[in-house]
Amino acid sequence: MGDKVKVQVYMTDGNIYEYEVDSEEKARDHMDKIIESGYRRKENENTLVWYPPQYILKVKATPFKGGYYNDKVVS
């Protein structure tokens, strides 16, 4: 099995939540679901919080080596 991939979820309130998954494929799947349906997290033993997609600024996975173009900002 390869290295773990860290998924970070950047929220409009300034918080960044992160966790690790086992592969780039899992990270890609998680990122797709987060953007589509929002982000869920356990706040404590008895509370599940679900942030709708409009509260998510971006989702980032690192390290991520495969499958995409290396683009750059041009403006």
PDB file of N, CA and C in Angstrom:
ATOM      1  N   MET A   1       0.844  -1.183   0.000  1.00  0.00           N
ATOM      2  CA  MET A   1       0.000   0.000   0.000  1.00  0.00           C
ATOM      3  C   MET A   1       0.886   1.243   0.000  1.00  0.00           C
ATOM      4  N   GLY A   2       0.450   2.290  -0.686  1.00  0.00           N
ATOM      5  CA  GLY A   2       1.229   3.525  -0.801  1.00  0.00           C
ATOM      6  C   GLY A   2       1.109   4.412   0.422  1.00  0.00           C
ATOM      7  N   ASP A   3       1.622   5.600   0.252  1.00  0.00           N
ATOM      8  CA  ASP A   3       1.570   6.584   1.329  1.00  0.00           C
ATOM      9  C   ASP A   3       0.154   7.063   1.568  1.00  0.00           C
ATOM     10  N   LYS A   4      -0.094   7.506   2.777  1.00  0.00           N
ATOM     11  CA  LYS A   4      -1.381   8.110   3.109  1.00  0.00           C
ATOM     12  C   LYS A   4      -1.512   9.452   2.385  1.00  0.00           C
ATOM     13  N   VAL A   5      -2.748   9.839   2.099  1.00  0.00           N
ATOM     14  CA  VAL A   5      -3.036  11.125   1.476  1.00  0.00           C
ATOM     15  C   VAL A   5      -3.881  11.930   2.448  1.00  0.00           C
ATOM     16  N   LYS A   6      -3.450  13.168   2.717  1.00  0.00           N
ATOM     17  CA  LYS A   6      -4.179  14.053   3.627  1.00  0.00           C
ATOM     18  C   LYS A   6      -5.217  14.840   2.833  1.00  0.00           C
ATOM     19  N   VAL A   7      -6.476  14.786   3.280  1.00  0.00           N
ATOM     20  CA  VAL A   7      -7.563  15.567   2.692  1.00  0.00           C
ATOM     21  C   VAL A   7      -7.834  16.740   3.626  1.00  0.00           C
ATOM     22  N   GLN A   8      -7.816  17.956   3.078  1.00  0.00           N
ATOM     23  CA  GLN A   8      -8.097  19.162   3.864  1.00  0.00           C
ATOM     24  C   GLN A   8      -9.330  19.847   3.287  1.00  0.00           C
ATOM     25  N   VAL A   9     -10.235  20.245   4.177  1.00  0.00           N
ATOM     26  CA  VAL A   9     -11.473  20.915   3.783  1.00  0.00           C
ATOM     27  C   VAL A   9     -11.430  22.337   4.344  1.00  0.00           C
ATOM     28  N   TYR A  10     -11.399  23.314   3.451  1.00  0.00           N
ATOM     29  CA  TYR A  10     -11.318  24.736   3.815  1.00  0.00           C
ATOM     30  C   TYR A  10     -12.729  25.316   3.870  1.00  0.00           C
ATOM     31  N   MET A  11     -13.103  25.857   5.031  1.00  0.00           N
ATOM     32  CA  MET A  11     -14.463  26.337   5.253  1.00  0.00           C
ATOM     33  C   MET A  11     -14.527  27.866   5.178  1.00  0.00           C
ATOM     34  N   THR A  12     -15.714  28.380   4.912  1.00  0.00           N
ATOM     35  CA  THR A  12     -15.904  29.829   4.817  1.00  0.00           C
ATOM     36  C   THR A  12     -15.683  30.534   6.153  1.00  0.00           C
ATOM     37  N   ASP A  13     -15.794  29.821   7.275  1.00  0.00           N
ATOM     38  CA  ASP A  13     -15.580  30.454   8.582  1.00  0.00           C
ATOM     39  C   ASP A  13     -14.101  30.494   8.967  1.00  0.00           C
ATOM     40  N   GLY A  14     -13.211  30.040   8.067  1.00  0.00           N
ATOM     41  CA  GLY A  14     -11.780  30.070   8.328  1.00  0.00           C
ATOM     42  C   GLY A  14     -11.205  28.770   8.877  1.00  0.00           C
ATOM     43  N   ASN A  15     -12.052  27.846   9.295  1.00  0.00           N
ATOM     44  CA  ASN A  15     -11.558  26.563   9.798  1.00  0.00           C
ATOM     45  C   ASN A  15     -11.084  25.692   8.646  1.00  0.00           C
ATOM     46  N   ILE A  16     -10.092  24.856   8.944  1.00  0.00           N
ATOM     47  CA  ILE A  16      -9.614  23.848   8.006  1.00  0.00           C
ATOM     48  C   ILE A  16      -9.669  22.510   8.742  1.00  0.00           C
ATOM     49  N   TYR A  17     -10.435  21.582   8.204  1.00  0.00           N
ATOM     50  CA  TYR A  17     -10.529  20.241   8.776  1.00  0.00           C
ATOM     51  C   TYR A  17      -9.705  19.302   7.912  1.00  0.00           C
ATOM     52  N   GLU A  18      -9.021  18.341   8.548  1.00  0.00           N
ATOM     53  CA  GLU A  18      -8.206  17.422   7.770  1.00  0.00           C
ATOM     54  C   GLU A  18      -8.260  16.018   8.348  1.00  0.00           C
ATOM     55  N   TYR A  19      -8.043  15.059   7.451  1.00  0.00           N
ATOM     56  CA  TYR A  19      -7.958  13.650   7.832  1.00  0.00           C
ATOM     57  C   TYR A  19      -7.168  12.930   6.743  1.00  0.00           C
ATOM     58  N   GLU A  20      -6.782  11.686   6.996  1.00  0.00           N
ATOM     59  CA  GLU A  20      -5.995  10.917   6.036  1.00  0.00           C
ATOM     60  C   GLU A  20      -6.790   9.741   5.494  1.00  0.00           C
ATOM     61  N   VAL A  21      -6.523   9.414   4.220  1.00  0.00           N
ATOM     62  CA  VAL A  21      -7.075   8.226   3.580  1.00  0.00           C
ATOM     63  C   VAL A  21      -5.910   7.408   3.020  1.00  0.00           C
ATOM     64  N   ASP A  22      -6.199   6.188   2.574  1.00  0.00           N
ATOM     65  CA  ASP A  22      -5.149   5.248   2.187  1.00  0.00           C
ATOM     66  C   ASP A  22      -4.594   5.409   0.778  1.00  0.00           C
ATOM     67  N   SER A  23      -5.268   6.181  -0.093  1.00  0.00           N
ATOM     68  CA  SER A  23      -4.799   6.246  -1.476  1.00  0.00           C
ATOM     69  C   SER A  23      -5.290   7.514  -2.167  1.00  0.00           C
ATOM     70  N   GLU A  24      -4.675   7.819  -3.303  1.00  0.00           N
ATOM     71  CA  GLU A  24      -5.125   8.949  -4.120  1.00  0.00           C
ATOM     72  C   GLU A  24      -6.541   8.706  -4.637  1.00  0.00           C
ATOM     73  N   GLU A  25      -6.847   7.470  -4.987  1.00  0.00           N
ATOM     74  CA  GLU A  25      -8.190   7.143  -5.484  1.00  0.00           C
ATOM     75  C   GLU A  25      -9.249   7.438  -4.419  1.00  0.00           C
ATOM     76  N   LYS A  26      -8.984   7.033  -3.173  1.00  0.00           N
ATOM     77  CA  LYS A  26      -9.924   7.320  -2.084  1.00  0.00           C
ATOM     78  C   LYS A  26     -10.035   8.823  -1.848  1.00  0.00           C
ATOM     79  N   ALA A  27      -8.911   9.529  -1.914  1.00  0.00           N
ATOM     80  CA  ALA A  27      -8.931  10.985  -1.727  1.00  0.00           C
ATOM     81  C   ALA A  27      -9.805  11.641  -2.790  1.00  0.00           C
ATOM     82  N   ARG A  28      -9.637  11.223  -4.038  1.00  0.00           N
ATOM     83  CA  ARG A  28     -10.440  11.770  -5.140  1.00  0.00           C
ATOM     84  C   ARG A  28     -11.925  11.509  -4.907  1.00  0.00           C
ATOM     85  N   ASP A  29     -12.269  10.294  -4.484  1.00  0.00           N
ATOM     86  CA  ASP A  29     -13.670   9.961  -4.194  1.00  0.00           C
ATOM     87  C   ASP A  29     -14.228  10.804  -3.056  1.00  0.00           C
ATOM     88  N   HIS A  30     -13.452  10.955  -1.988  1.00  0.00           N
ATOM     89  CA  HIS A  30     -13.887  11.769  -0.847  1.00  0.00           C
ATOM     90  C   HIS A  30     -14.091  13.228  -1.268  1.00  0.00           C
ATOM     91  N   MET A  31     -13.141  13.761  -2.030  1.00  0.00           N
ATOM     92  CA  MET A  31     -13.229  15.152  -2.467  1.00  0.00           C
ATOM     93  C   MET A  31     -14.492  15.369  -3.301  1.00  0.00           C
ATOM     94  N   ASP A  32     -14.785  14.451  -4.203  1.00  0.00           N
ATOM     95  CA  ASP A  32     -15.974  14.546  -5.041  1.00  0.00           C
ATOM     96  C   ASP A  32     -17.239  14.570  -4.186  1.00  0.00           C
ATOM     97  N   LYS A  33     -17.325  13.674  -3.218  1.00  0.00           N
ATOM     98  CA  LYS A  33     -18.509  13.606  -2.351  1.00  0.00           C
ATOM     99  C   LYS A  33     -18.638  14.853  -1.475  1.00  0.00           C
ATOM    100  N   ILE A  34     -17.517  15.369  -0.971  1.00  0.00           N
ATOM    101  CA  ILE A  34     -17.553  16.569  -0.126  1.00  0.00           C
ATOM    102  C   ILE A  34     -18.085  17.759  -0.920  1.00  0.00           C
ATOM    103  N   ILE A  35     -17.577  17.947  -2.133  1.00  0.00           N
ATOM    104  CA  ILE A  35     -18.035  19.060  -2.962  1.00  0.00           C
ATOM    105  C   ILE A  35     -19.506  18.890  -3.337  1.00  0.00           C
ATOM    106  N   GLU A  36     -19.915  17.659  -3.582  1.00  0.00           N
ATOM    107  CA  GLU A  36     -21.290  17.381  -4.003  1.00  0.00           C
ATOM    108  C   GLU A  36     -22.302  17.498  -2.867  1.00  0.00           C
ATOM    109  N   SER A  37     -21.972  16.917  -1.708  1.00  0.00           N
ATOM    110  CA  SER A  37     -22.999  16.810  -0.659  1.00  0.00           C
ATOM    111  C   SER A  37     -22.647  17.514   0.643  1.00  0.00           C
ATOM    112  N   GLY A  38     -21.460  18.118   0.747  1.00  0.00           N
ATOM    113  CA  GLY A  38     -21.069  18.799   1.969  1.00  0.00           C
ATOM    114  C   GLY A  38     -20.097  17.971   2.797  1.00  0.00           C
ATOM    115  N   TYR A  39     -19.726  18.497   3.948  1.00  0.00           N
ATOM    116  CA  TYR A  39     -18.733  17.863   4.813  1.00  0.00           C
ATOM    117  C   TYR A  39     -19.362  17.497   6.146  1.00  0.00           C
ATOM    118  N   ARG A  40     -19.168  16.248   6.560  1.00  0.00           N
ATOM    119  CA  ARG A  40     -19.701  15.760   7.837  1.00  0.00           C
ATOM    120  C   ARG A  40     -18.545  15.467   8.778  1.00  0.00           C
ATOM    121  N   ARG A  41     -18.745  15.807  10.059  1.00  0.00           N
ATOM    122  CA  ARG A  41     -17.722  15.495  11.062  1.00  0.00           C
ATOM    123  C   ARG A  41     -18.361  15.280  12.419  1.00  0.00           C
ATOM    124  N   LYS A  42     -17.706  14.454  13.239  1.00  0.00           N
ATOM    125  CA  LYS A  42     -18.144  14.260  14.620  1.00  0.00           C
ATOM    126  C   LYS A  42     -17.577  15.401  15.448  1.00  0.00           C
ATOM    127  N   GLU A  43     -18.458  16.223  16.014  1.00  0.00           N
ATOM    128  CA  GLU A  43     -18.012  17.335  16.855  1.00  0.00           C
ATOM    129  C   GLU A  43     -17.610  16.841  18.236  1.00  0.00           C
ATOM    130  N   ASN A  44     -18.341  15.852  18.734  1.00  0.00           N
ATOM    131  CA  ASN A  44     -18.026  15.194  19.996  1.00  0.00           C
ATOM    132  C   ASN A  44     -18.685  13.819  19.971  1.00  0.00           C
ATOM    133  N   GLU A  45     -18.698  13.128  21.085  1.00  0.00           N
ATOM    134  CA  GLU A  45     -19.239  11.767  21.131  1.00  0.00           C
ATOM    135  C   GLU A  45     -20.702  11.675  20.694  1.00  0.00           C
ATOM    136  N   ASN A  46     -21.469  12.741  20.886  1.00  0.00           N
ATOM    137  CA  ASN A  46     -22.908  12.683  20.650  1.00  0.00           C
ATOM    138  C   ASN A  46     -23.404  13.592  19.538  1.00  0.00           C
ATOM    139  N   THR A  47     -22.512  14.259  18.819  1.00  0.00           N
ATOM    140  CA  THR A  47     -22.949  15.262  17.855  1.00  0.00           C
ATOM    141  C   THR A  47     -22.265  15.074  16.507  1.00  0.00           C
ATOM    142  N   LEU A  48     -23.091  14.930  15.472  1.00  0.00           N
ATOM    143  CA  LEU A  48     -22.613  14.909  14.094  1.00  0.00           C
ATOM    144  C   LEU A  48     -22.983  16.243  13.462  1.00  0.00           C
ATOM    145  N   VAL A  49     -22.017  16.905  12.833  1.00  0.00           N
ATOM    146  CA  VAL A  49     -22.248  18.191  12.174  1.00  0.00           C
ATOM    147  C   VAL A  49     -22.115  17.974  10.676  1.00  0.00           C
ATOM    148  N   TRP A  50     -23.039  18.528   9.903  1.00  0.00           N
ATOM    149  CA  TRP A  50     -23.012  18.414   8.447  1.00  0.00           C
ATOM    150  C   TRP A  50     -23.014  19.810   7.855  1.00  0.00           C
ATOM    151  N   TYR A  51     -21.907  20.186   7.218  1.00  0.00           N
ATOM    152  CA  TYR A  51     -21.784  21.486   6.575  1.00  0.00           C
ATOM    153  C   TYR A  51     -22.229  21.360   5.124  1.00  0.00           C
ATOM    154  N   PRO A  52     -23.200  22.158   4.673  1.00  0.00           N
ATOM    155  CA  PRO A  52     -23.619  22.088   3.273  1.00  0.00           C
ATOM    156  C   PRO A  52     -22.527  22.631   2.342  1.00  0.00           C
ATOM    157  N   PRO A  53     -22.583  22.264   1.050  1.00  0.00           N
ATOM    158  CA  PRO A  53     -21.522  22.643   0.112  1.00  0.00           C
ATOM    159  C   PRO A  53     -21.228  24.143   0.039  1.00  0.00           C
ATOM    160  N   GLN A  54     -22.208  24.984   0.251  1.00  0.00           N
ATOM    161  CA  GLN A  54     -21.969  26.430   0.130  1.00  0.00           C
ATOM    162  C   GLN A  54     -21.030  26.972   1.215  1.00  0.00           C
ATOM    163  N   TYR A  55     -20.727  26.180   2.251  1.00  0.00           N
ATOM    164  CA  TYR A  55     -19.797  26.605   3.290  1.00  0.00           C
ATOM    165  C   TYR A  55     -18.375  26.103   3.051  1.00  0.00           C
ATOM    166  N   ILE A  56     -18.139  25.461   1.912  1.00  0.00           N
ATOM    167  CA  ILE A  56     -16.826  24.911   1.587  1.00  0.00           C
ATOM    168  C   ILE A  56     -16.176  25.781   0.520  1.00  0.00           C
ATOM    169  N   LEU A  57     -14.973  26.291   0.817  1.00  0.00           N
ATOM    170  CA  LEU A  57     -14.224  27.090  -0.152  1.00  0.00           C
ATOM    171  C   LEU A  57     -13.452  26.211  -1.126  1.00  0.00           C
ATOM    172  N   LYS A  58     -12.770  25.197  -0.579  1.00  0.00           N
ATOM    173  CA  LYS A  58     -12.015  24.277  -1.426  1.00  0.00           C
ATOM    174  C   LYS A  58     -11.709  23.012  -0.647  1.00  0.00           C
ATOM    175  N   VAL A  59     -11.328  21.980  -1.391  1.00  0.00           N
ATOM    176  CA  VAL A  59     -10.886  20.718  -0.811  1.00  0.00           C
ATOM    177  C   VAL A  59      -9.546  20.392  -1.461  1.00  0.00           C
ATOM    178  N   LYS A  60      -8.572  20.002  -0.636  1.00  0.00           N
ATOM    179  CA  LYS A  60      -7.211  19.800  -1.119  1.00  0.00           C
ATOM    180  C   LYS A  60      -6.706  18.429  -0.660  1.00  0.00           C
ATOM    181  N   ALA A  61      -5.931  17.753  -1.521  1.00  0.00           N
ATOM    182  CA  ALA A  61      -5.323  16.466  -1.163  1.00  0.00           C
ATOM    183  C   ALA A  61      -3.818  16.547  -1.386  1.00  0.00           C
ATOM    184  N   THR A  62      -3.031  16.137  -0.382  1.00  0.00           N
ATOM    185  CA  THR A  62      -1.573  16.116  -0.510  1.00  0.00           C
ATOM    186  C   THR A  62      -1.007  14.908   0.236  1.00  0.00           C
ATOM    187  N   PRO A  63       0.055  14.289  -0.226  1.00  0.00           N
ATOM    188  CA  PRO A  63       0.633  14.461  -1.560  1.00  0.00           C
ATOM    189  C   PRO A  63      -0.259  13.801  -2.607  1.00  0.00           C
ATOM    190  N   PHE A  64      -0.256  14.347  -3.789  1.00  0.00           N
ATOM    191  CA  PHE A  64      -1.066  13.825  -4.886  1.00  0.00           C
ATOM    192  C   PHE A  64      -0.225  13.879  -6.143  1.00  0.00           C
ATOM    193  N   LYS A  65       0.144  12.729  -6.667  1.00  0.00           N
ATOM    194  CA  LYS A  65       1.129  12.679  -7.755  1.00  0.00           C
ATOM    195  C   LYS A  65       0.539  12.386  -9.120  1.00  0.00           C
ATOM    196  N   GLY A  66      -0.622  11.751  -9.190  1.00  0.00           N
ATOM    197  CA  GLY A  66      -1.033  11.220 -10.483  1.00  0.00           C
ATOM    198  C   GLY A  66      -2.221  11.872 -11.136  1.00  0.00           C
ATOM    199  N   GLY A  67      -2.251  11.744 -12.451  1.00  0.00           N
ATOM    200  CA  GLY A  67      -3.460  11.884 -13.212  1.00  0.00           C
ATOM    201  C   GLY A  67      -3.989  13.246 -13.610  1.00  0.00           C
ATOM    202  N   TYR A  68      -3.338  14.323 -13.292  1.00  0.00           N
ATOM    203  CA  TYR A  68      -3.890  15.634 -13.638  1.00  0.00           C
ATOM    204  C   TYR A  68      -2.822  16.523 -14.252  1.00  0.00           C
ATOM    205  N   TYR A  69      -3.267  17.520 -14.994  1.00  0.00           N
ATOM    206  CA  TYR A  69      -2.355  18.479 -15.609  1.00  0.00           C
ATOM    207  C   TYR A  69      -1.777  19.410 -14.551  1.00  0.00           C
ATOM    208  N   ASN A  70      -0.547  19.802 -14.737  1.00  0.00           N
ATOM    209  CA  ASN A  70       0.084  20.791 -13.866  1.00  0.00           C
ATOM    210  C   ASN A  70      -0.211  22.176 -14.439  1.00  0.00           C
ATOM    211  N   ASP A  71      -1.298  22.769 -13.994  1.00  0.00           N
ATOM    212  CA  ASP A  71      -1.672  24.083 -14.512  1.00  0.00           C
ATOM    213  C   ASP A  71      -0.980  25.183 -13.736  1.00  0.00           C
ATOM    214  N   LYS A  72      -1.147  26.424 -14.172  1.00  0.00           N
ATOM    215  CA  LYS A  72      -0.555  27.572 -13.489  1.00  0.00           C
ATOM    216  C   LYS A  72      -1.509  28.752 -13.603  1.00  0.00           C
ATOM    217  N   VAL A  73      -1.384  29.681 -12.677  1.00  0.00           N
ATOM    218  CA  VAL A  73      -2.189  30.902 -12.702  1.00  0.00           C
ATOM    219  C   VAL A  73      -1.605  31.821 -13.762  1.00  0.00           C
ATOM    220  N   VAL A  74      -2.473  32.353 -14.643  1.00  0.00           N
ATOM    221  CA  VAL A  74      -1.979  33.210 -15.723  1.00  0.00           C
ATOM    222  C   VAL A  74      -2.521  34.632 -15.639  1.00  0.00           C
ATOM    223  N   SER A  75      -3.363  34.910 -14.650  1.00  0.00           N
ATOM    224  CA  SER A  75      -3.859  36.286 -14.518  1.00  0.00           C
ATOM    225  C   SER A  75      -3.927  36.699 -13.066  1.00  0.00           C
TER     226      SER A  75
END
